Protein backbone atom coordinates (compact mmCIF):
# COMPACT_ATOMS: atom_id res chain seq x y z
CA MET A 1 -5.75 -19.04 -10.37
CA ASN A 2 -4.87 -15.34 -9.50
CA ARG A 3 -2.45 -13.75 -11.71
CA MET A 4 -0.35 -10.88 -10.32
CA LEU A 5 1.49 -8.08 -11.54
CA ILE A 6 4.83 -7.27 -9.41
CA VAL A 7 6.25 -3.76 -10.68
CA ASP A 8 9.72 -2.70 -8.89
CA ASP A 9 12.69 -1.61 -10.35
CA GLU A 10 14.85 -3.41 -7.80
CA GLU A 11 15.21 -7.04 -9.27
CA LYS A 12 15.87 -8.22 -5.40
CA ILE A 13 12.53 -7.30 -4.46
CA ARG A 14 10.25 -8.28 -7.46
CA ALA A 15 12.48 -12.45 -6.82
CA VAL A 16 11.73 -12.20 -3.06
CA VAL A 17 7.48 -11.26 -3.75
CA ARG A 18 7.67 -13.81 -6.82
CA GLU A 19 8.76 -16.82 -4.16
CA TYR A 20 6.21 -16.01 -1.97
CA ALA A 21 2.90 -15.59 -4.59
CA GLU A 22 4.10 -18.40 -6.54
CA PHE A 23 4.27 -20.87 -3.57
CA GLU A 24 0.77 -19.74 -2.88
CA ASP A 25 -0.32 -20.69 -6.46
CA TYR A 26 -0.61 -17.51 -7.87
CA THR A 27 0.76 -16.71 -11.68
CA VAL A 28 3.04 -13.79 -11.51
CA GLU A 29 4.34 -11.41 -14.01
CA GLU A 30 6.74 -8.85 -13.78
CA ALA A 31 7.53 -5.10 -14.87
CA ARG A 32 10.67 -3.28 -14.00
CA ASP A 33 9.06 0.20 -14.13
CA GLY A 34 5.70 2.06 -14.64
CA MET A 35 5.71 2.25 -17.84
CA GLU A 36 6.03 -1.17 -18.74
CA ALA A 37 3.39 -1.92 -16.00
CA VAL A 38 0.57 0.50 -17.88
CA ALA A 39 1.61 -0.83 -21.57
CA LEU A 40 1.07 -4.76 -19.64
CA CYS A 41 -2.26 -3.98 -17.87
CA ARG A 42 -3.48 -2.71 -21.69
CA GLU A 43 -3.03 -6.06 -22.94
CA ASN A 44 -3.67 -8.24 -20.03
CA ASP A 45 -6.08 -8.70 -16.85
CA TYR A 46 -4.66 -9.15 -13.49
CA ASP A 47 -5.93 -9.88 -9.93
CA ILE A 48 -3.95 -7.80 -8.31
CA ILE A 49 -0.94 -5.41 -8.87
CA ILE A 50 1.84 -4.74 -6.43
CA ILE A 51 4.05 -1.76 -7.71
CA ASP A 52 6.79 0.67 -6.34
CA VAL A 53 6.37 4.19 -5.86
CA MET A 54 10.21 5.61 -6.75
CA MET A 55 11.27 4.00 -10.63
CA PRO A 56 12.51 5.37 -13.73
CA ARG A 57 10.74 6.64 -16.32
CA LEU A 58 7.21 6.60 -14.74
CA ASP A 59 6.63 6.59 -10.61
CA GLY A 60 4.00 4.27 -8.97
CA TYR A 61 1.92 7.06 -8.38
CA SER A 62 1.35 8.15 -12.15
CA ALA A 63 1.35 4.73 -13.19
CA CYS A 64 -1.57 3.87 -10.97
CA LYS A 65 -3.68 6.91 -12.25
CA GLU A 66 -3.09 5.76 -15.57
CA ILE A 67 -3.99 1.98 -15.18
CA LYS A 68 -6.95 2.94 -12.90
CA LYS A 69 -8.26 4.91 -15.98
CA GLN A 70 -8.24 1.39 -17.70
CA LYS A 71 -9.09 -0.98 -15.50
CA ASP A 72 -10.71 -1.86 -11.94
CA ILE A 73 -7.63 -3.54 -10.61
CA PRO A 74 -6.61 -3.84 -7.00
CA VAL A 75 -3.14 -1.91 -6.22
CA ILE A 76 -0.73 -2.50 -3.18
CA MET A 77 1.92 0.38 -3.21
CA LEU A 78 5.29 -0.21 -1.92
CA SER A 79 7.66 2.79 -0.80
CA ALA A 80 10.41 3.54 1.40
CA ARG A 81 8.60 6.63 2.73
CA GLY A 82 5.91 5.96 5.51
CA GLU A 83 4.77 9.68 6.41
CA GLU A 84 0.80 10.25 6.31
CA TYR A 85 1.46 12.90 3.16
CA ASP A 86 2.44 9.94 1.28
CA LYS A 87 0.07 7.77 2.20
CA LEU A 88 -2.79 9.87 1.62
CA PHE A 89 -1.36 10.70 -1.86
CA GLY A 90 -1.31 6.97 -2.46
CA PHE A 91 -5.04 6.62 -1.75
CA GLU A 92 -6.22 9.63 -3.18
CA THR A 93 -4.94 7.75 -6.47
CA GLY A 94 -7.12 4.77 -5.67
CA ILE A 95 -4.58 2.43 -4.36
CA ASP A 96 -6.14 -0.47 -1.83
CA ASP A 97 -3.12 -0.73 0.69
CA TYR A 98 0.11 0.77 1.58
CA VAL A 99 3.11 -1.12 2.76
CA VAL A 100 6.08 0.52 3.57
CA LYS A 101 9.64 -1.26 3.17
CA PRO A 102 11.49 -2.96 4.77
CA PHE A 103 8.21 -5.21 4.94
CA SER A 104 7.65 -8.70 5.63
CA PRO A 105 6.98 -10.87 2.70
CA ARG A 106 4.74 -12.98 4.57
CA GLU A 107 2.51 -10.06 6.19
CA LEU A 108 2.74 -8.36 2.46
CA MET A 109 0.67 -12.23 1.04
CA ALA A 110 -1.76 -11.58 4.08
CA ARG A 111 -2.14 -8.09 2.83
CA VAL A 112 -2.67 -9.48 -0.71
CA ARG A 113 -5.08 -12.10 0.61
CA ALA A 114 -7.22 -9.33 2.34
CA VAL A 115 -7.45 -6.95 -0.71
CA LEU A 116 -8.71 -9.66 -3.06
CA THR A 117 -11.01 -11.17 -0.09
CA ARG A 118 -12.69 -7.02 -0.22
CA SER A 119 -12.60 -6.53 -3.94
CA ARG A 120 -14.71 -9.86 -4.76
CA ALA A 121 -16.88 -9.08 -2.25
CA SER A 122 -17.51 -5.79 -3.72
CA LYS A 123 -18.35 -6.87 -6.80
CA GLN A 124 -20.98 -9.24 -5.61
CA PRO A 125 -24.75 -7.96 -6.44
CA ALA A 126 -25.72 -5.66 -3.93
CA ALA A 127 -28.49 -7.35 -1.46
CA LYS A 128 -31.46 -5.31 -1.33
CA GLN A 129 -31.53 -2.66 0.91
CA ALA A 130 -32.81 0.94 1.33
CA GLN A 131 -31.68 3.12 -1.91
CA ARG A 132 -31.10 6.28 -0.35
CA LEU A 133 -30.45 7.69 3.21
CA THR A 134 -30.64 11.36 3.90
CA PHE A 135 -28.73 13.01 6.78
CA GLY A 136 -29.64 16.39 6.30
CA GLY A 137 -27.76 17.71 3.34
CA LEU A 138 -26.14 14.37 3.05
CA GLU A 139 -27.29 11.47 0.97
CA ILE A 140 -25.92 8.07 1.01
CA ASP A 141 -27.03 5.35 -1.46
CA ILE A 142 -25.25 2.06 -0.43
CA ALA A 143 -26.44 -0.18 -3.46
CA GLY A 144 -25.57 2.56 -5.65
CA ARG A 145 -22.30 3.57 -4.56
CA GLU A 146 -22.99 6.90 -4.33
CA VAL A 147 -23.08 9.53 -2.30
CA TYR A 148 -24.62 13.29 -2.27
CA VAL A 149 -23.46 16.51 -0.68
CA ASP A 150 -26.14 18.87 -0.98
CA GLY A 151 -27.54 17.58 -4.08
CA VAL A 152 -23.98 17.11 -5.69
CA ARG A 153 -22.64 14.06 -6.16
CA ILE A 154 -19.16 13.68 -4.74
CA SER A 155 -16.01 11.35 -6.09
CA MET A 156 -14.12 9.44 -3.13
CA THR A 157 -11.84 6.78 -3.18
CA PRO A 158 -13.37 3.00 -2.97
CA LYS A 159 -11.98 2.93 0.53
CA GLU A 160 -13.89 6.04 1.42
CA TYR A 161 -16.87 4.53 0.52
CA ASP A 162 -16.08 1.41 2.21
CA LEU A 163 -15.43 3.30 5.54
CA LEU A 164 -18.20 5.90 5.53
CA PHE A 165 -21.11 2.87 4.30
CA TYR A 166 -19.69 0.66 7.19
CA LEU A 167 -19.71 3.64 9.87
CA VAL A 168 -23.71 4.70 8.38
CA LYS A 169 -24.02 1.14 8.98
CA ASN A 170 -23.84 1.69 12.53
CA LYS A 171 -24.97 4.77 13.37
CA GLY A 172 -24.47 5.56 16.90
CA LEU A 173 -22.36 2.86 17.74
CA ALA A 174 -18.64 3.53 19.09
CA LEU A 175 -16.33 1.60 16.79
CA THR A 176 -12.55 0.99 17.57
CA ARG A 177 -9.96 1.41 14.82
CA ASN A 178 -9.07 -2.15 15.31
CA LYS A 179 -12.81 -3.29 14.42
CA LEU A 180 -12.93 -0.58 11.41
CA LEU A 181 -9.97 -2.39 10.38
CA GLU A 182 -11.06 -5.98 10.79
CA GLU A 183 -14.35 -5.08 9.22
CA VAL A 184 -13.16 -2.48 6.31
CA TRP A 185 -9.75 -3.62 5.27
CA GLY A 186 -10.28 -7.15 5.86
CA TYR A 187 -7.73 -7.52 8.62
CA ASP A 188 -6.80 -6.42 11.83
CA PHE A 189 -3.17 -8.13 13.02
CA PHE A 190 -1.58 -6.68 10.20
CA GLY A 191 -3.40 -3.64 10.41
CA ASP A 192 -2.15 -0.03 11.35
CA ASP A 193 -3.75 2.25 13.91
CA ARG A 194 -2.83 5.26 11.25
CA THR A 195 -4.43 3.46 8.36
CA VAL A 196 -7.79 4.30 9.95
CA ASP A 197 -6.95 7.92 10.88
CA THR A 198 -5.47 8.91 7.00
CA HIS A 199 -9.11 7.47 5.76
CA ILE A 200 -10.78 8.89 8.10
CA LYS A 201 -8.98 12.45 7.31
CA MET A 202 -9.54 12.04 3.79
CA LEU A 203 -13.39 10.85 4.20
CA ARG A 204 -13.78 13.88 5.98
CA GLY A 205 -12.65 16.15 3.60
CA SER A 206 -14.97 14.63 1.03
CA LEU A 207 -17.85 15.24 3.28
CA GLY A 208 -17.17 18.90 3.69
CA PRO A 209 -20.00 20.48 5.61
CA TYR A 210 -21.11 17.29 6.95
CA ARG A 211 -17.41 16.22 7.98
CA SER A 212 -18.73 16.53 11.73
CA TYR A 213 -21.04 13.55 11.24
CA ILE A 214 -18.16 11.30 12.24
CA VAL A 215 -16.98 11.57 15.74
CA THR A 216 -13.76 10.96 17.23
CA LEU A 217 -13.72 9.12 20.26
CA ARG A 218 -10.67 9.78 21.99
CA GLY A 219 -8.16 7.30 22.48
CA MET A 220 -11.04 4.59 21.31
CA GLY A 221 -12.00 5.07 17.39
CA TYR A 222 -14.78 6.84 15.76
CA LYS A 223 -18.62 6.61 14.93
CA PHE A 224 -21.19 8.30 12.74
CA GLU A 225 -23.42 10.23 14.40
CA PRO A 226 -25.50 13.07 12.24
CA ASP A 227 -27.44 14.26 15.11
CA ALA A 228 -24.33 15.00 17.43
């Protein structure tokens, strides 16, 4: 049975999420602020955390950073703010998804299922494959989940790794935003094109001098083309 931690200072939000989660047989615990969430995560293991951004004592961003230092638990962030900057900041802290309030509880649970499926798949033993792919000064170790830029290992968010590896595995192929949502995020109907664009922007920033390897296909999507 999946174990979920809901972190929100609004009791009504916690109650709604709990109702839908328990209907799908999740074991649910609650925290009213970030400090309480961090303390609970020190003592317990959870399969997924749903956490609000704006809370007293310790906000969601700071709580997420502290939790990620301790344990690798998937996190879905809730926020009334839907600007690109806010989403970027959230993803940079290591969250797995970002849901803007007001939200549909059914959609939230669909995102929970997608995040859990993706998280478990990433922890499965990697299939045998080329240990390291080289494109000029960009080296990509898919099995080891490592990326090097001009010999220096770079640090990226989990979703940046997933997105880059999928693009590389499909080198030269035109990939629509919906296709990327479906294959990398694990859902399509509940997806948002801006989610892909936001992560592409982050990924290009991480690749530095090799950012041009990710080519924008206007009105469609992206492709990985190191020879462009």
